[in-house]
Amino acid sequence: MRTTPPMLPLRPPLLAALAGSALLLLLQAMPTVAPFLEYRRSALSAEPWRLLTGHLVHVNWMHALANAGAWVLLSYLFAPRLSVARQLLALALGAAAVSLALAAGYPAIAWYRGASGALHALFFAGATVALARSARRRPRSMALLPLALVVAGWIKVAVDLPRGGVTAYADWLGVSTVPQAHLIGAIAGTALGVYFAARSR
């Protein structure tokens, strides 16, 4: 008797991520729209929506596809621990934190596009909640995997930070990246994960 292979369960967070990823790719297919949505430091006071919409547009198709795929993967990974509302809150808070921190602390970064800073917030929020929940259960060894995720995530963020230059160049993207956004997203996501874990208790 032949059996059908199990399909990915379409939990609400995953459905939301699929819709969000489709939006990222749709916007990438409309290049004339991106300049009106990207984070642009000089335009923030007159066009404050750029604080959030700058995270929906990307520099090229490789950038958009990588972030769209990462969104779906992270949503699936953390769906058992973070509801749709909490995932969207992590993304929105991460996006706002990145834009505000860039505007306040990095005046040399005139423009920015991409969801990676917000996705770092989602990753660290989910990993922190997973670590807190596993640490309260027995056996304690259940906490090893989420602990490894958190530690590896912070090592990746630290290694990515530029040494000397304002931004780093990524060969696979063909453009300069803004790893400072990853750091800010990681801080925001970790703080939100601690808050979620405290509320769950």
Protein backbone atom coordinates (compact mmCIF):
# COMPACT_ATOMS: atom_id res chain seq x y z
CA MET A 1 0.00 0.00 0.00
CA ARG A 2 1.47 3.34 -1.05
CA THR A 3 1.45 6.17 1.43
CA THR A 4 1.59 9.86 0.67
CA PRO A 5 4.56 11.74 2.14
CA PRO A 6 3.59 14.00 5.05
CA MET A 7 3.04 17.61 4.09
CA LEU A 8 4.20 20.67 5.98
CA PRO A 9 1.44 21.55 8.47
CA LEU A 10 -0.01 24.92 7.47
CA ARG A 11 -0.21 26.51 10.90
CA PRO A 12 -1.48 30.12 11.03
CA PRO A 13 2.05 31.57 11.58
CA LEU A 14 3.30 29.69 8.52
CA LEU A 15 0.37 30.90 6.43
CA ALA A 16 1.09 34.47 7.54
CA ALA A 17 4.78 34.04 6.65
CA LEU A 18 3.91 32.67 3.21
CA ALA A 19 1.67 35.71 2.61
CA GLY A 20 4.39 38.08 3.87
CA SER A 21 7.05 36.41 1.74
CA ALA A 22 4.79 36.70 -1.31
CA LEU A 23 4.50 40.43 -0.55
CA LEU A 24 8.31 40.78 -0.44
CA LEU A 25 8.60 39.11 -3.84
CA LEU A 26 5.72 41.13 -5.30
CA LEU A 27 7.40 44.37 -4.24
CA GLN A 28 10.69 43.15 -5.72
CA ALA A 29 8.86 42.66 -9.01
CA MET A 30 7.88 46.36 -8.93
CA PRO A 31 11.27 48.15 -8.84
CA THR A 32 9.75 51.62 -9.31
CA VAL A 33 7.99 51.31 -5.93
CA ALA A 34 11.08 50.56 -3.82
CA PRO A 35 12.55 54.11 -3.79
CA PHE A 36 9.33 55.38 -2.16
CA LEU A 37 9.42 52.69 0.55
CA GLU A 38 13.11 52.24 1.43
CA TYR A 39 14.58 53.60 4.65
CA ARG A 40 16.08 56.96 3.69
CA ARG A 41 17.44 58.96 6.59
CA SER A 42 16.92 62.36 4.98
CA ALA A 43 13.22 61.63 4.28
CA LEU A 44 12.12 60.16 7.63
CA SER A 45 10.68 63.35 9.13
CA ALA A 46 8.42 63.95 6.12
CA GLU A 47 7.77 60.26 5.31
CA PRO A 48 7.82 58.30 8.60
CA TRP A 49 6.31 55.17 7.02
CA ARG A 50 9.81 54.41 5.73
CA LEU A 51 10.72 53.29 9.27
CA LEU A 52 8.72 50.11 8.57
CA THR A 53 8.37 49.86 4.79
CA GLY A 54 12.12 49.95 4.27
CA HIS A 55 12.14 46.37 5.55
CA LEU A 56 9.77 45.17 2.84
CA VAL A 57 11.95 46.09 -0.15
CA HIS A 58 15.32 44.66 -1.17
CA VAL A 59 18.34 45.55 -3.27
CA ASN A 60 18.01 42.65 -5.73
CA TRP A 61 16.25 39.33 -6.32
CA MET A 62 18.86 37.27 -4.45
CA HIS A 63 18.37 39.47 -1.39
CA ALA A 64 14.56 39.25 -1.61
CA LEU A 65 14.52 35.47 -2.15
CA ALA A 66 16.92 34.85 0.75
CA ASN A 67 14.82 36.89 3.17
CA ALA A 68 11.50 35.48 1.91
CA GLY A 69 12.81 31.94 2.42
CA ALA A 70 14.22 32.80 5.85
CA TRP A 71 10.86 34.24 6.94
CA VAL A 72 9.01 31.02 6.03
CA LEU A 73 11.68 28.83 7.67
CA LEU A 74 11.76 30.83 10.92
CA SER A 75 7.98 30.97 11.10
CA TYR A 76 7.75 27.19 10.70
CA LEU A 77 10.51 26.63 13.24
CA PHE A 78 8.94 28.81 15.94
CA ALA A 79 5.22 28.27 15.12
CA PRO A 80 4.72 26.01 18.19
CA ARG A 81 6.04 28.76 20.48
CA LEU A 82 5.05 32.06 18.86
CA SER A 83 1.55 32.88 17.64
CA VAL A 84 0.89 34.93 14.51
CA ALA A 85 0.44 38.05 16.65
CA ARG A 86 3.72 37.49 18.49
CA GLN A 87 5.64 36.76 15.30
CA LEU A 88 4.29 39.90 13.62
CA LEU A 89 5.04 41.93 16.76
CA ALA A 90 8.64 40.66 16.73
CA LEU A 91 9.02 41.61 13.06
CA ALA A 92 7.43 45.06 13.49
CA LEU A 93 9.37 45.84 16.67
CA GLY A 94 12.59 44.65 15.07
CA ALA A 95 11.98 46.77 11.97
CA ALA A 96 11.17 49.90 13.98
CA ALA A 97 14.14 49.36 16.32
CA VAL A 98 16.54 48.93 13.39
CA SER A 99 15.31 52.07 11.60
CA LEU A 100 15.31 54.25 14.72
CA ALA A 101 18.75 53.03 15.79
CA LEU A 102 20.19 53.61 12.32
CA ALA A 103 18.72 57.12 12.26
CA ALA A 104 20.05 57.96 15.73
CA GLY A 105 23.36 56.14 15.83
CA TYR A 106 24.55 55.64 12.25
CA PRO A 107 24.18 58.93 10.34
CA ALA A 108 26.60 57.69 7.67
CA ILE A 109 24.07 55.03 6.61
CA ALA A 110 21.87 57.14 4.34
CA TRP A 111 19.58 54.37 3.05
CA TYR A 112 18.65 50.79 3.82
CA ARG A 113 16.56 48.03 2.30
CA GLY A 114 15.85 44.54 3.57
CA ALA A 115 14.04 42.37 6.10
CA SER A 116 17.13 40.75 7.62
CA GLY A 117 17.24 43.01 10.70
CA ALA A 118 13.57 42.28 11.44
CA LEU A 119 14.14 38.58 10.79
CA HIS A 120 16.96 38.60 13.33
CA ALA A 121 14.42 39.95 15.82
CA LEU A 122 12.06 37.07 15.01
CA PHE A 123 14.85 34.49 15.31
CA PHE A 124 16.07 35.72 18.69
CA ALA A 125 12.54 36.15 20.07
CA GLY A 126 11.67 32.56 19.14
CA ALA A 127 14.98 31.08 20.27
CA THR A 128 14.83 32.92 23.61
CA VAL A 129 11.26 31.71 24.29
CA ALA A 130 12.28 28.15 23.33
CA LEU A 131 15.29 28.32 25.66
CA ALA A 132 13.22 29.66 28.58
CA ARG A 133 10.55 26.96 28.16
CA SER A 134 13.06 24.13 27.79
CA ALA A 135 15.01 25.29 30.85
CA ARG A 136 11.88 24.86 32.98
CA ARG A 137 11.35 21.24 31.90
CA ARG A 138 13.05 17.99 32.71
CA PRO A 139 15.42 16.64 31.61
CA ARG A 140 17.47 19.83 31.47
CA SER A 141 19.24 18.49 28.39
CA MET A 142 16.14 19.57 26.43
CA ALA A 143 17.50 23.12 26.69
CA LEU A 144 20.70 22.26 24.79
CA LEU A 145 19.28 22.79 21.28
CA PRO A 146 17.66 26.20 21.95
CA LEU A 147 20.79 27.22 23.89
CA ALA A 148 22.90 26.28 20.88
CA LEU A 149 20.59 28.36 18.64
CA VAL A 150 20.94 31.43 20.87
CA VAL A 151 24.73 31.10 21.25
CA ALA A 152 25.30 30.40 17.53
CA GLY A 153 23.05 33.32 16.63
CA TRP A 154 25.03 35.74 18.79
CA ILE A 155 28.34 34.43 17.44
CA LYS A 156 27.07 34.98 13.89
CA VAL A 157 25.97 38.55 14.74
CA ALA A 158 29.34 39.33 16.38
CA VAL A 159 31.37 37.90 13.48
CA ASP A 160 29.29 39.86 10.94
CA LEU A 161 29.98 43.24 12.52
CA PRO A 162 32.27 45.38 10.33
CA ARG A 163 35.82 46.04 11.43
CA GLY A 164 36.57 49.66 10.66
CA GLY A 165 34.16 50.29 7.79
CA VAL A 166 30.58 51.49 8.14
CA THR A 167 29.22 48.59 6.10
CA ALA A 168 30.58 45.30 4.85
CA TYR A 169 30.55 44.05 1.26
CA ALA A 170 28.80 40.73 0.51
CA ASP A 171 30.01 39.04 -2.68
CA TRP A 172 26.95 36.79 -2.95
CA LEU A 173 24.66 39.85 -2.89
CA GLY A 174 26.84 42.12 -4.97
CA VAL A 175 26.21 45.05 -2.59
CA SER A 176 27.23 46.34 0.81
CA THR A 177 25.32 44.92 3.76
CA VAL A 178 24.34 46.59 7.05
CA PRO A 179 25.24 44.08 9.80
CA GLN A 180 24.49 46.77 12.39
CA ALA A 181 20.82 46.09 11.54
CA HIS A 182 21.34 42.44 12.47
CA LEU A 183 22.78 43.45 15.84
CA ILE A 184 19.90 45.82 16.60
CA GLY A 185 17.34 43.22 15.52
CA ALA A 186 19.03 40.61 17.71
CA ILE A 187 18.90 42.89 20.76
CA ALA A 188 15.25 43.79 20.16
CA GLY A 189 14.29 40.15 19.56
CA THR A 190 16.09 38.89 22.65
CA ALA A 191 14.39 41.52 24.84
CA LEU A 192 11.00 40.64 23.36
CA GLY A 193 11.67 36.91 23.84
CA VAL A 194 12.44 37.49 27.51
CA TYR A 195 9.17 39.44 27.82
CA PHE A 196 7.18 36.68 26.08
CA ALA A 197 8.76 34.03 28.31
CA ALA A 198 7.97 36.03 31.46
CA ARG A 199 4.35 36.45 30.32
CA SER A 200 4.06 32.72 29.63
CA ARG A 201 5.09 31.89 33.17
